[in-house]
């Protein structure tokens, strides 16, 4: 099944995109849905903050996995950053890299798409888009890790909120 929806470049669109994920993934393990919602929140926030254009969310499910793509028409190339510990931004792609089984970036003309795949069956192998196709040792499905929240920092999917 494939679902696609476009959103304007405004903070409320992040919440709307998260709601679209919940609506599209009613038959998926809730733990996986939480991880997907967190990754979508990060990617859509990046589209709003950096691209400053409308973005499209595409969700495609199959018997074994689901693929999510966030596309925008903005300039620039997304990159995994290593922000200083005291910084409260710059970790979106680190989160995607950690939680997704596969992920990557596709250049567009104009814009770009950032995609990720999460296996919906257990025993999946984690691979990065830069990998040569060799699979890593099996790992359990990705899970959102919760920890004590520091003021102003998001620590789990339940805390996700964008200020208007």
Protein backbone atom coordinates (compact mmCIF):
# COMPACT_ATOMS: atom_id res chain seq x y z
CA UNK A 1 0.00 0.00 0.00
CA UNK A 2 1.23 3.48 -0.82
CA UNK A 3 0.12 6.77 0.75
CA UNK A 4 1.33 10.21 -0.33
CA UNK A 5 0.49 13.64 1.03
CA UNK A 6 1.94 17.14 0.70
CA UNK A 7 2.25 19.65 3.53
CA UNK A 8 2.99 23.39 3.66
CA UNK A 9 6.26 24.66 5.17
CA UNK A 10 4.81 25.56 8.56
CA UNK A 11 5.36 24.10 12.05
CA UNK A 12 1.87 22.57 12.27
CA UNK A 13 2.74 20.35 9.33
CA UNK A 14 5.07 18.26 11.49
CA UNK A 15 2.17 17.27 13.75
CA UNK A 16 -0.02 16.63 10.69
CA UNK A 17 2.69 14.39 9.18
CA UNK A 18 2.94 12.41 12.42
CA UNK A 19 -0.86 11.96 12.36
CA UNK A 20 -0.65 10.77 8.75
CA UNK A 21 1.89 8.12 9.81
CA UNK A 22 -0.38 6.89 12.60
CA UNK A 23 -3.34 6.72 10.18
CA UNK A 24 -1.33 4.81 7.55
CA UNK A 25 0.26 2.31 9.92
CA UNK A 26 -2.67 0.99 11.94
CA UNK A 27 -1.61 -2.65 11.33
CA UNK A 28 2.05 -2.16 12.31
CA UNK A 29 3.61 -2.94 15.70
CA UNK A 30 3.15 0.20 17.86
CA UNK A 31 6.83 0.16 18.86
CA UNK A 32 7.81 0.41 15.20
CA UNK A 33 5.20 3.10 14.62
CA UNK A 34 6.75 5.16 17.44
CA UNK A 35 10.17 4.89 15.78
CA UNK A 36 8.73 5.82 12.37
CA UNK A 37 6.86 8.79 13.87
CA UNK A 38 10.06 10.03 15.49
CA UNK A 39 12.01 9.77 12.22
CA UNK A 40 9.23 11.46 10.25
CA UNK A 41 9.14 14.24 12.81
CA UNK A 42 12.88 14.80 12.40
CA UNK A 43 12.81 14.73 8.59
CA UNK A 44 9.76 16.98 8.26
CA UNK A 45 11.21 19.44 10.76
CA UNK A 46 14.40 19.51 8.66
CA UNK A 47 12.35 20.20 5.53
CA UNK A 48 10.62 23.14 7.22
CA UNK A 49 13.74 24.61 8.84
CA UNK A 50 16.24 24.11 6.03
CA UNK A 51 14.35 23.77 2.73
CA UNK A 52 11.57 26.19 3.64
CA UNK A 53 9.37 24.65 0.95
CA UNK A 54 6.30 22.47 0.84
CA UNK A 55 7.25 18.85 1.47
CA UNK A 56 5.77 15.51 0.49
CA UNK A 57 5.49 12.50 2.79
CA UNK A 58 5.23 9.12 1.10
CA UNK A 59 4.61 5.92 3.05
CA UNK A 60 4.83 2.57 1.32
CA UNK A 61 4.15 -0.69 3.15
CA UNK A 62 4.76 -4.28 2.13
CA UNK A 63 4.58 -7.65 3.87
CA UNK A 64 8.13 -7.32 5.26
CA UNK A 65 8.95 -3.65 5.59
CA UNK A 66 7.84 -0.08 5.22
CA UNK A 67 9.50 2.75 3.36
CA UNK A 68 9.03 6.43 4.15
CA UNK A 69 10.25 9.27 1.95
CA UNK A 70 10.21 12.98 2.76
CA UNK A 71 10.83 15.17 -0.30
CA UNK A 72 11.22 18.92 -0.62
CA UNK A 73 12.21 21.41 -3.32
CA UNK A 74 14.80 23.29 -1.27
CA UNK A 75 18.49 23.66 -2.03
CA UNK A 76 21.26 22.02 -0.06
CA UNK A 77 22.39 18.55 0.79
CA UNK A 78 21.38 16.96 4.09
CA UNK A 79 24.32 15.64 6.11
CA UNK A 80 24.73 13.71 9.33
CA UNK A 81 26.15 16.16 11.84
CA UNK A 82 27.97 15.78 15.12
CA UNK A 83 26.74 18.77 17.15
CA UNK A 84 28.27 19.70 20.47
CA UNK A 85 26.60 18.06 23.43
CA UNK A 86 25.02 21.33 24.61
CA UNK A 87 23.38 21.99 21.21
CA UNK A 88 19.68 21.13 21.01
CA UNK A 89 19.54 20.70 17.22
CA UNK A 90 21.44 18.87 14.50
CA UNK A 91 20.69 15.25 15.41
CA UNK A 92 17.82 14.43 13.05
CA UNK A 93 19.79 12.29 10.61
CA UNK A 94 21.64 10.63 13.51
CA UNK A 95 18.25 9.51 14.79
CA UNK A 96 17.27 8.19 11.35
CA UNK A 97 20.63 6.44 11.01
CA UNK A 98 20.15 4.77 14.39
CA UNK A 99 16.52 3.69 14.05
CA UNK A 100 16.17 2.79 10.37
CA UNK A 101 17.27 -0.50 8.83
CA UNK A 102 18.27 1.39 5.67
CA UNK A 103 18.21 5.05 4.71
CA UNK A 104 19.53 7.40 2.08
CA UNK A 105 19.28 10.67 0.20
CA UNK A 106 18.27 11.12 -3.44
CA UNK A 107 19.10 14.39 -5.18
CA UNK A 108 16.25 15.93 -7.12
CA UNK A 109 16.01 18.75 -9.59
CA UNK A 110 15.21 20.81 -7.61
CA UNK A 111 15.34 19.53 -4.07
CA UNK A 112 15.99 16.15 -2.56
CA UNK A 113 14.34 13.17 -0.92
CA UNK A 114 15.40 11.53 2.31
CA UNK A 115 14.08 7.99 2.69
CA UNK A 116 14.28 5.21 5.22
CA UNK A 117 13.17 1.59 5.46
CA UNK A 118 12.11 -0.22 8.62
CA UNK A 119 11.56 -3.95 8.58
CA UNK A 120 8.21 -4.98 10.00
CA UNK A 121 9.30 -8.58 10.62
CA UNK A 122 11.73 -9.51 13.39
CA UNK A 123 15.29 -10.57 12.72
CA UNK A 124 15.94 -7.88 10.12
CA UNK A 125 19.46 -6.78 9.36
CA UNK A 126 20.52 -3.17 9.63
CA UNK A 127 22.21 -1.68 6.57
CA UNK A 128 23.11 1.86 5.62
CA UNK A 129 22.56 3.24 2.14
CA UNK A 130 26.32 3.61 1.80
CA UNK A 131 26.79 -0.09 2.54
CA UNK A 132 27.98 -2.28 -0.31
CA UNK A 133 25.03 -4.63 0.17
CA UNK A 134 26.64 -6.77 2.84
CA UNK A 135 24.22 -7.25 5.69
CA UNK A 136 25.15 -6.80 9.31
CA UNK A 137 24.28 -9.27 12.04
CA UNK A 138 20.55 -9.50 12.76
CA UNK A 139 19.21 -6.97 15.26
CA UNK A 140 15.83 -6.53 16.89
CA UNK A 141 13.36 -4.04 15.42
CA UNK A 142 14.26 -0.40 16.12
CA UNK A 143 12.84 1.04 19.31
CA UNK A 144 12.56 4.57 20.55
CA UNK A 145 14.78 4.94 23.59
CA UNK A 146 13.35 6.99 26.41
CA UNK A 147 15.39 8.82 28.99
CA UNK A 148 14.98 11.62 31.45
CA UNK A 149 14.07 14.76 29.54
CA UNK A 150 16.23 17.84 29.76
CA UNK A 151 14.25 21.04 29.43
CA UNK A 152 13.85 21.95 25.75
CA UNK A 153 15.14 18.63 24.42
CA UNK A 154 13.04 15.86 22.91
CA UNK A 155 13.81 12.46 24.38
CA UNK A 156 10.97 10.23 23.17
CA UNK A 157 8.15 10.21 20.66
CA UNK A 158 5.61 11.18 23.31
CA UNK A 159 7.43 14.48 23.93
CA UNK A 160 7.42 15.61 20.29
CA UNK A 161 5.89 19.04 19.88
CA UNK A 162 6.86 21.95 17.67
CA UNK A 163 6.26 25.43 19.00
CA UNK A 164 4.32 27.65 16.62
